[in-house]
C-alpha atoms as a PDB file:
ATOM      1  CA  MET A   1       3.327   0.681  27.765  1.00  0.00           C
ATOM      2  CA  ASP A   2       5.941   1.103  25.018  1.00  0.00           C
ATOM      3  CA  ILE A   3       5.778   3.805  22.355  1.00  0.00           C
ATOM      4  CA  THR A   4       4.740   1.431  19.542  1.00  0.00           C
ATOM      5  CA  THR A   5       1.765   0.162  21.552  1.00  0.00           C
ATOM      6  CA  ARG A   6       0.705   3.686  22.482  1.00  0.00           C
ATOM      7  CA  ILE A   7       0.840   4.823  18.867  1.00  0.00           C
ATOM      8  CA  ARG A   8      -1.047   1.716  17.736  1.00  0.00           C
ATOM      9  CA  GLU A   9      -3.879   2.454  20.173  1.00  0.00           C
ATOM     10  CA  ASP A  10      -3.948   6.094  19.068  1.00  0.00           C
ATOM     11  CA  VAL A  11      -3.930   5.368  15.335  1.00  0.00           C
ATOM     12  CA  GLU A  12      -6.239   2.330  15.052  1.00  0.00           C
ATOM     13  CA  GLN A  13      -9.343   4.298  16.009  1.00  0.00           C
ATOM     14  CA  ARG A  14      -8.651   6.762  13.211  1.00  0.00           C
ATOM     15  CA  PHE A  15      -9.362   3.984  10.679  1.00  0.00           C
ATOM     16  CA  ASP A  16     -12.939   3.353  11.856  1.00  0.00           C
ATOM     17  CA  SER A  17     -14.352   5.033   8.726  1.00  0.00           C
ATOM     18  CA  ALA A  18     -11.658   3.834   6.298  1.00  0.00           C
ATOM     19  CA  ARG A  19     -12.596   2.038   3.093  1.00  0.00           C
ATOM     20  CA  GLY A  20     -12.065  -1.707   3.129  1.00  0.00           C
ATOM     21  CA  SER A  21      -9.265  -1.687   0.575  1.00  0.00           C
ATOM     22  CA  HIS A  22      -7.128   0.515   2.823  1.00  0.00           C
ATOM     23  CA  ASP A  23      -8.504  -0.255   6.259  1.00  0.00           C
ATOM     24  CA  TRP A  24      -6.783  -1.190   9.518  1.00  0.00           C
ATOM     25  CA  GLU A  25      -6.502  -4.804   8.364  1.00  0.00           C
ATOM     26  CA  HIS A  26      -4.334  -3.615   5.474  1.00  0.00           C
ATOM     27  CA  THR A  27      -2.159  -1.727   7.956  1.00  0.00           C
ATOM     28  CA  GLU A  28      -1.821  -4.853  10.093  1.00  0.00           C
ATOM     29  CA  ARG A  29      -0.760  -6.943   7.098  1.00  0.00           C
ATOM     30  CA  VAL A  30       1.825  -4.354   6.068  1.00  0.00           C
ATOM     31  CA  TYR A  31       3.055  -4.211   9.663  1.00  0.00           C
ATOM     32  CA  ASN A  32       3.515  -7.995   9.723  1.00  0.00           C
ATOM     33  CA  LEU A  33       5.336  -7.943   6.387  1.00  0.00           C
ATOM     34  CA  CYS A  34       7.588  -5.157   7.669  1.00  0.00           C
ATOM     35  CA  VAL A  35       8.496  -7.260  10.682  1.00  0.00           C
ATOM     36  CA  SER A  36       9.273 -10.275   8.507  1.00  0.00           C
ATOM     37  CA  ILE A  37      11.266  -8.374   5.878  1.00  0.00           C
ATOM     38  CA  GLY A  38      12.831  -5.846   8.227  1.00  0.00           C
ATOM     39  CA  GLU A  39      14.414  -8.465  10.457  1.00  0.00           C
ATOM     40  CA  LYS A  40      16.089 -10.049   7.433  1.00  0.00           C
ATOM     41  CA  GLU A  41      17.233  -6.704   6.034  1.00  0.00           C
ATOM     42  CA  GLY A  42      18.712  -5.358   9.282  1.00  0.00           C
ATOM     43  CA  ALA A  43      16.238  -2.492   9.691  1.00  0.00           C
ATOM     44  CA  ASP A  44      15.724  -0.420  12.833  1.00  0.00           C
ATOM     45  CA  MET A  45      12.651  -2.336  13.920  1.00  0.00           C
ATOM     46  CA  ASP A  46      11.347   0.222  16.414  1.00  0.00           C
ATOM     47  CA  LEU A  47      11.219   2.953  13.776  1.00  0.00           C
ATOM     48  CA  LEU A  48       9.955   0.609  11.071  1.00  0.00           C
ATOM     49  CA  LYS A  49       7.046  -0.668  13.163  1.00  0.00           C
ATOM     50  CA  ILE A  50       5.864   2.857  13.894  1.00  0.00           C
ATOM     51  CA  ALA A  51       6.181   3.843  10.219  1.00  0.00           C
ATOM     52  CA  ALA A  52       4.123   0.803   9.223  1.00  0.00           C
ATOM     53  CA  LEU A  53       1.349   1.707  11.663  1.00  0.00           C
ATOM     54  CA  LEU A  54       1.192   5.260  10.318  1.00  0.00           C
ATOM     55  CA  HIS A  55       1.872   4.717   6.617  1.00  0.00           C
ATOM     56  CA  ASP A  56      -1.739   5.114   5.436  1.00  0.00           C
ATOM     57  CA  ILE A  57      -2.862   7.733   7.954  1.00  0.00           C
ATOM     58  CA  GLY A  58      -3.521  10.164   5.081  1.00  0.00           C
ATOM     59  CA  ARG A  59      -5.378   7.705   2.870  1.00  0.00           C
ATOM     60  CA  GLU A  60      -8.888   8.827   3.772  1.00  0.00           C
ATOM     61  CA  GLU A  61      -8.135  12.366   2.593  1.00  0.00           C
ATOM     62  CA  GLN A  62      -6.907  11.038  -0.768  1.00  0.00           C
ATOM     63  CA  ASP A  63     -10.050   8.941  -1.223  1.00  0.00           C
ATOM     64  CA  LYS A  64     -12.339  11.847  -0.356  1.00  0.00           C
ATOM     65  CA  ALA A  65     -10.466  14.016  -2.861  1.00  0.00           C
ATOM     66  CA  LYS A  66     -10.687  11.240  -5.490  1.00  0.00           C
ATOM     67  CA  GLY A  67      -6.937  11.045  -5.869  1.00  0.00           C
ATOM     68  CA  LYS A  68      -6.203  14.771  -5.959  1.00  0.00           C
ATOM     69  CA  VAL A  69      -4.440  14.589  -2.572  1.00  0.00           C
ATOM     70  CA  CYS A  70      -1.315  12.429  -2.217  1.00  0.00           C
ATOM     71  CA  HIS A  71      -1.879  10.280   0.844  1.00  0.00           C
ATOM     72  CA  ALA A  72       1.848   9.712   1.306  1.00  0.00           C
ATOM     73  CA  GLU A  73       2.640  13.430   1.441  1.00  0.00           C
ATOM     74  CA  ARG A  74      -0.380  14.237   3.593  1.00  0.00           C
ATOM     75  CA  GLY A  75       0.237  11.179   5.741  1.00  0.00           C
ATOM     76  CA  ALA A  76       3.777  12.320   6.520  1.00  0.00           C
ATOM     77  CA  GLU A  77       2.381  15.639   7.750  1.00  0.00           C
ATOM     78  CA  ILE A  78      -0.245  14.004   9.956  1.00  0.00           C
ATOM     79  CA  ALA A  79       2.262  11.450  11.255  1.00  0.00           C
ATOM     80  CA  SER A  80       4.692  14.210  12.211  1.00  0.00           C
ATOM     81  CA  GLU A  81       2.041  15.794  14.420  1.00  0.00           C
ATOM     82  CA  ILE A  82       1.168  12.459  16.043  1.00  0.00           C
ATOM     83  CA  LEU A  83       4.793  11.522  16.668  1.00  0.00           C
ATOM     84  CA  LYS A  84       5.587  14.857  18.286  1.00  0.00           C
ATOM     85  CA  GLN A  85       2.538  14.490  20.517  1.00  0.00           C
ATOM     86  CA  HIS A  86       3.997  11.182  21.664  1.00  0.00           C
ATOM     87  CA  GLY A  87       7.311  12.831  22.487  1.00  0.00           C
ATOM     88  CA  LEU A  88       9.571  11.500  19.724  1.00  0.00           C
ATOM     89  CA  ASP A  89      12.590  13.650  18.969  1.00  0.00           C
ATOM     90  CA  ASP A  90      13.066  15.431  15.638  1.00  0.00           C
ATOM     91  CA  GLU A  91      15.545  12.899  14.248  1.00  0.00           C
ATOM     92  CA  LYS A  92      13.179   9.958  14.764  1.00  0.00           C
ATOM     93  CA  VAL A  93      10.248  11.965  13.431  1.00  0.00           C
ATOM     94  CA  ASP A  94      12.206  12.787  10.270  1.00  0.00           C
ATOM     95  CA  ARG A  95      13.255   9.162   9.743  1.00  0.00           C
ATOM     96  CA  ILE A  96       9.728   7.839  10.203  1.00  0.00           C
ATOM     97  CA  THR A  97       8.044  10.496   8.053  1.00  0.00           C
ATOM     98  CA  HIS A  98      10.590   9.836   5.302  1.00  0.00           C
ATOM     99  CA  CYS A  99       9.356   6.226   5.206  1.00  0.00           C
ATOM    100  CA  ILE A 100       5.737   7.356   4.961  1.00  0.00           C
ATOM    101  CA  GLN A 101       6.415  10.029   2.369  1.00  0.00           C
ATOM    102  CA  CYS A 102       8.188   7.547   0.093  1.00  0.00           C
ATOM    103  CA  HIS A 103       5.965   4.468   0.344  1.00  0.00           C
ATOM    104  CA  ARG A 104       3.574   5.261  -2.508  1.00  0.00           C
ATOM    105  CA  PHE A 105       3.986   3.523  -5.897  1.00  0.00           C
ATOM    106  CA  ARG A 106       3.024   6.624  -7.880  1.00  0.00           C
ATOM    107  CA  ASN A 107       5.390   9.034  -6.182  1.00  0.00           C
ATOM    108  CA  SER A 108       8.573  10.886  -7.118  1.00  0.00           C
ATOM    109  CA  ASN A 109      10.002  10.527  -3.591  1.00  0.00           C
ATOM    110  CA  ILE A 110      12.621   7.758  -3.529  1.00  0.00           C
ATOM    111  CA  PRO A 111      13.106   5.625  -0.382  1.00  0.00           C
ATOM    112  CA  GLN A 112      16.643   6.172   0.889  1.00  0.00           C
ATOM    113  CA  SER A 113      16.844   4.369   4.230  1.00  0.00           C
ATOM    114  CA  THR A 114      16.581   0.637   4.838  1.00  0.00           C
ATOM    115  CA  GLU A 115      13.371   1.231   6.784  1.00  0.00           C
ATOM    116  CA  ALA A 116      11.827   3.224   3.928  1.00  0.00           C
ATOM    117  CA  LYS A 117      12.733   0.502   1.432  1.00  0.00           C
ATOM    118  CA  VAL A 118      11.229  -2.213   3.630  1.00  0.00           C
ATOM    119  CA  LEU A 119       7.978  -0.275   4.092  1.00  0.00           C
ATOM    120  CA  PHE A 120       7.753   0.364   0.351  1.00  0.00           C
ATOM    121  CA  ASP A 121       8.166  -3.347  -0.388  1.00  0.00           C
ATOM    122  CA  ALA A 122       5.753  -4.469   2.336  1.00  0.00           C
ATOM    123  CA  ASP A 123       3.038  -2.098   1.153  1.00  0.00           C
ATOM    124  CA  LYS A 124       3.463  -3.220  -2.450  1.00  0.00           C
ATOM    125  CA  LEU A 125       3.458  -6.913  -1.552  1.00  0.00           C
ATOM    126  CA  ASP A 126       0.014  -6.447  -0.022  1.00  0.00           C
ATOM    127  CA  ALA A 127      -1.128  -5.184  -3.424  1.00  0.00           C
ATOM    128  CA  ILE A 128      -0.232  -8.376  -5.316  1.00  0.00           C
ATOM    129  CA  GLY A 129      -0.874 -12.081  -4.899  1.00  0.00           C
ATOM    130  CA  ALA A 130      -4.206 -13.390  -3.598  1.00  0.00           C
ATOM    131  CA  VAL A 131      -4.697 -10.546  -1.129  1.00  0.00           C
ATOM    132  CA  GLY A 132      -3.781  -7.986  -3.750  1.00  0.00           C
ATOM    133  CA  ILE A 133      -6.378  -9.332  -6.172  1.00  0.00           C
ATOM    134  CA  GLY A 134      -9.008  -9.190  -3.458  1.00  0.00           C
ATOM    135  CA  ARG A 135      -8.098  -5.627  -2.598  1.00  0.00           C
ATOM    136  CA  ALA A 136      -8.150  -4.566  -6.262  1.00  0.00           C
ATOM    137  CA  PHE A 137     -11.714  -5.797  -6.684  1.00  0.00           C
ATOM    138  CA  LEU A 138     -12.709  -4.316  -3.345  1.00  0.00           C
ATOM    139  CA  PHE A 139     -11.382  -0.898  -4.369  1.00  0.00           C
ATOM    140  CA  SER A 140     -13.074  -1.054  -7.771  1.00  0.00           C
ATOM    141  CA  GLY A 141     -16.368  -1.696  -5.984  1.00  0.00           C
ATOM    142  CA  GLU A 142     -15.755   1.227  -3.646  1.00  0.00           C
ATOM    143  CA  VAL A 143     -15.410   3.648  -6.569  1.00  0.00           C
ATOM    144  CA  GLY A 144     -18.336   2.146  -8.521  1.00  0.00           C
ATOM    145  CA  ALA A 145     -16.299   0.478 -11.253  1.00  0.00           C
ATOM    146  CA  ARG A 146     -17.574  -2.405 -13.356  1.00  0.00           C
ATOM    147  CA  LEU A 147     -16.434  -5.977 -12.664  1.00  0.00           C
ATOM    148  CA  HIS A 148     -14.125  -6.459 -15.644  1.00  0.00           C
ATOM    149  CA  ASN A 149     -13.383  -4.935 -19.025  1.00  0.00           C
ATOM    150  CA  PRO A 150     -10.333  -6.464 -20.737  1.00  0.00           C
ATOM    151  CA  ASP A 151     -10.983  -4.643 -24.027  1.00  0.00           C
ATOM    152  CA  VAL A 152     -10.835  -1.085 -22.700  1.00  0.00           C
ATOM    153  CA  ASP A 153      -8.016   1.225 -23.808  1.00  0.00           C
ATOM    154  CA  ILE A 154      -6.130   1.593 -20.521  1.00  0.00           C
ATOM    155  CA  GLU A 155      -4.486   4.828 -21.668  1.00  0.00           C
ATOM    156  CA  LYS A 156      -7.909   6.472 -21.915  1.00  0.00           C
ATOM    157  CA  THR A 157      -9.187   5.468 -18.485  1.00  0.00           C
ATOM    158  CA  GLU A 158      -9.020   7.413 -15.235  1.00  0.00           C
ATOM    159  CA  GLU A 159      -8.898   6.631 -11.530  1.00  0.00           C
ATOM    160  CA  TYR A 160     -12.108   6.685  -9.474  1.00  0.00           C
ATOM    161  CA  THR A 161     -14.334   6.115 -12.527  1.00  0.00           C
ATOM    162  CA  ARG A 162     -16.505   3.274 -13.861  1.00  0.00           C
ATOM    163  CA  GLU A 163     -13.482   1.992 -15.787  1.00  0.00           C
ATOM    164  CA  ASP A 164     -11.197   1.918 -12.721  1.00  0.00           C
ATOM    165  CA  THR A 165     -11.516  -1.858 -12.600  1.00  0.00           C
ATOM    166  CA  ALA A 166      -9.281  -4.377 -10.873  1.00  0.00           C
ATOM    167  CA  TYR A 167      -7.927  -5.254 -14.323  1.00  0.00           C
ATOM    168  CA  ARG A 168      -7.046  -1.612 -14.979  1.00  0.00           C
ATOM    169  CA  GLU A 169      -5.166  -1.548 -11.674  1.00  0.00           C
ATOM    170  CA  TYR A 170      -3.349  -4.705 -12.729  1.00  0.00           C
ATOM    171  CA  MET A 171      -2.352  -3.252 -16.097  1.00  0.00           C
ATOM    172  CA  VAL A 172      -1.373   0.176 -14.788  1.00  0.00           C
ATOM    173  CA  LYS A 173       0.330  -0.830 -11.550  1.00  0.00           C
ATOM    174  CA  LEU A 174       0.190  -4.358 -10.162  1.00  0.00           C
ATOM    175  CA  ARG A 175       2.019  -6.194 -12.947  1.00  0.00           C
ATOM    176  CA  LYS A 176       4.938  -3.777 -12.551  1.00  0.00           C
ATOM    177  CA  ILE A 177       5.387  -4.182  -8.813  1.00  0.00           C
ATOM    178  CA  LYS A 178       7.643  -7.231  -8.940  1.00  0.00           C
ATOM    179  CA  ASP A 179      10.307  -5.234 -10.742  1.00  0.00           C
ATOM    180  CA  ARG A 180      10.041  -2.309  -8.322  1.00  0.00           C
ATOM    181  CA  MET A 181      11.037  -4.199  -5.181  1.00  0.00           C
ATOM    182  CA  LEU A 182      13.896  -2.599  -3.258  1.00  0.00           C
ATOM    183  CA  THR A 183      15.003  -5.358  -0.881  1.00  0.00           C
ATOM    184  CA  GLU A 184      16.273  -8.861  -1.494  1.00  0.00           C
ATOM    185  CA  GLU A 185      13.559 -10.409   0.670  1.00  0.00           C
ATOM    186  CA  GLY A 186      10.894  -8.304  -0.994  1.00  0.00           C
ATOM    187  CA  ARG A 187      11.987  -9.530  -4.408  1.00  0.00           C
ATOM    188  CA  ARG A 188      11.875 -13.146  -3.224  1.00  0.00           C
ATOM    189  CA  VAL A 189       8.332 -12.883  -1.892  1.00  0.00           C
ATOM    190  CA  ALA A 190       7.141 -10.888  -4.907  1.00  0.00           C
ATOM    191  CA  GLU A 191       8.056 -13.582  -7.420  1.00  0.00           C
ATOM    192  CA  ASP A 192       5.461 -16.076  -6.215  1.00  0.00           C
ATOM    193  CA  ARG A 193       2.753 -13.494  -5.585  1.00  0.00           C
ATOM    194  CA  HIS A 194       3.297 -12.007  -9.031  1.00  0.00           C
ATOM    195  CA  GLN A 195       2.885 -15.310 -10.834  1.00  0.00           C
ATOM    196  CA  PHE A 196      -0.310 -16.116  -8.942  1.00  0.00           C
ATOM    197  CA  MET A 197      -1.735 -12.766 -10.021  1.00  0.00           C
ATOM    198  CA  VAL A 198      -0.704 -13.194 -13.667  1.00  0.00           C
ATOM    199  CA  ASP A 199      -2.367 -16.609 -13.776  1.00  0.00           C
ATOM    200  CA  PHE A 200      -5.553 -15.198 -12.242  1.00  0.00           C
ATOM    201  CA  PHE A 201      -5.973 -12.337 -14.705  1.00  0.00           C
ATOM    202  CA  ASN A 202      -5.184 -14.600 -17.647  1.00  0.00           C
ATOM    203  CA  ARG A 203      -7.916 -16.913 -16.438  1.00  0.00           C
ATOM    204  CA  ILE A 204     -10.532 -14.225 -15.851  1.00  0.00           C
ATOM    205  CA  ASN A 205      -9.857 -12.856 -19.338  1.00  0.00           C
ATOM    206  CA  ASP A 206     -10.593 -16.309 -20.745  1.00  0.00           C
ATOM    207  CA  GLU A 207     -13.690 -16.834 -18.610  1.00  0.00           C
ATOM    208  CA  VAL A 208     -15.395 -13.564 -19.568  1.00  0.00           C
ATOM    209  CA  LYS A 209     -14.962 -14.561 -23.222  1.00  0.00           C
ATOM    210  CA  GLY A 210     -16.717 -17.869 -22.535  1.00  0.00           C
ATOM    211  CA  LYS A 211     -13.606 -20.020 -22.663  1.00  0.00           C
ATOM    212  CA  SER A 212     -13.598 -23.026 -20.344  1.00  0.00           C
END
């Protein structure tokens, strides 16, 4: 059994209690995007695949802390322990944890390696388009937010509150993702997903105001 398969079997069970917006299915989608983008960008696929499997390993701690813990920073620490248990050398551990540490949108850590850039793009692509819209509403339900509130002052809202709606996530983060892509392939895929999302939120804004 190769190292990627062994790590997959180890890590998947740790997501049994994960919230739906950041569950194992999200990890699988990011993994598949990493494979697709990474092959085009000339990434080290062995390292990239492992980073993709581990990228959200710290997410549950962030959710329990209501955003006060950075899941990328904590995830890099947890991943380091897992990787060493599986016998990876220090250089590979450092390269993989760098990818994990830098994958978050709201983070001051900048992806430096090709693998880190691919993981960043793959994770962000799963936050936009049709899947991204679904995840945004799923997350808003998880934190008890209302369905939609286009008239709220976004600057006065906070994460993990009743006003942490899918639309707030769109205004604060999702609409900016297209311009944050780091790879050529990521930018190509983001264009179409971005436009789909823009059209959706324009439509829902009209519908809640009674427009046909």
